[in-house]
């Protein structure tokens, strides 16, 4: 499968929170930074993602904001 997004990382799923309609998938990437993704329960089930799985993270964002405090 081809992707237009250029930002791709690998990670490991650390926790999944399932709601009634949506789910939150937490994962770690090699930069030792926790990240998360929100998706529908149907998408989560269709992808078969489980805690401990190795995943590829494809990031395509309209806006990426950097803030210096």
Protein backbone atom coordinates (compact mmCIF):
# COMPACT_ATOMS: atom_id res chain seq x y z
CA UNK A 1 0.00 0.00 0.00
CA UNK A 2 1.32 3.47 -0.88
CA UNK A 3 0.97 6.51 1.38
CA UNK A 4 1.22 10.21 0.62
CA UNK A 5 2.40 10.93 4.16
CA UNK A 6 6.18 11.11 4.49
CA UNK A 7 6.34 10.91 8.29
CA UNK A 8 6.42 7.23 9.22
CA UNK A 9 7.64 5.73 12.48
CA UNK A 10 7.45 2.32 14.11
CA UNK A 11 6.11 1.84 17.58
CA UNK A 12 4.72 -0.57 20.15
CA UNK A 13 1.14 -0.42 21.48
CA UNK A 14 1.21 0.11 25.24
CA UNK A 15 -2.47 0.59 26.13
CA UNK A 16 -5.89 0.63 24.48
CA UNK A 17 -8.89 2.44 25.98
CA UNK A 18 -12.19 1.33 24.44
CA UNK A 19 -15.27 3.54 24.65
CA UNK A 20 -18.74 2.99 23.24
CA UNK A 21 -17.87 4.37 19.80
CA UNK A 22 -14.23 5.51 19.87
CA UNK A 23 -10.97 4.07 21.16
CA UNK A 24 -7.63 5.57 22.17
CA UNK A 25 -4.49 3.63 21.26
CA UNK A 26 -1.36 4.62 23.22
CA UNK A 27 2.04 3.62 21.87
CA UNK A 28 5.76 4.32 22.26
CA UNK A 29 8.07 5.22 19.40
CA UNK A 30 11.89 4.82 19.28
CA UNK A 31 12.45 8.44 20.37
CA UNK A 32 11.14 7.26 23.77
CA UNK A 33 8.13 9.53 23.37
CA UNK A 34 4.61 8.36 24.15
CA UNK A 35 1.99 9.13 21.50
CA UNK A 36 -1.65 8.22 20.97
CA UNK A 37 -4.22 7.90 18.22
CA UNK A 38 -8.01 8.05 18.39
CA UNK A 39 -10.05 5.84 16.07
CA UNK A 40 -13.45 4.20 15.92
CA UNK A 41 -13.97 0.85 17.61
CA UNK A 42 -14.79 -0.62 14.18
CA UNK A 43 -11.41 0.53 12.79
CA UNK A 44 -9.59 -0.84 15.83
CA UNK A 45 -11.30 -4.22 15.44
CA UNK A 46 -10.77 -4.31 11.65
CA UNK A 47 -7.05 -3.63 12.06
CA UNK A 48 -6.80 -6.21 14.83
CA UNK A 49 -4.55 -3.98 16.95
CA UNK A 50 -3.80 -5.33 20.43
CA UNK A 51 -1.58 -4.24 23.32
CA UNK A 52 2.02 -5.28 22.69
CA UNK A 53 1.68 -5.18 18.87
CA UNK A 54 4.39 -3.57 16.74
CA UNK A 55 2.78 -0.94 14.53
CA UNK A 56 3.73 1.57 11.85
CA UNK A 57 2.69 5.13 12.65
CA UNK A 58 1.90 7.25 9.60
CA UNK A 59 1.54 10.95 10.43
CA UNK A 60 -0.12 13.40 8.08
CA UNK A 61 -1.18 16.66 9.68
CA UNK A 62 -2.49 19.87 8.24
CA UNK A 63 -0.93 21.81 11.12
CA UNK A 64 1.99 20.93 13.35
CA UNK A 65 2.49 23.50 16.09
CA UNK A 66 5.71 24.06 18.04
CA UNK A 67 5.53 26.06 21.26
CA UNK A 68 8.42 27.35 23.30
CA UNK A 69 7.50 28.26 26.86
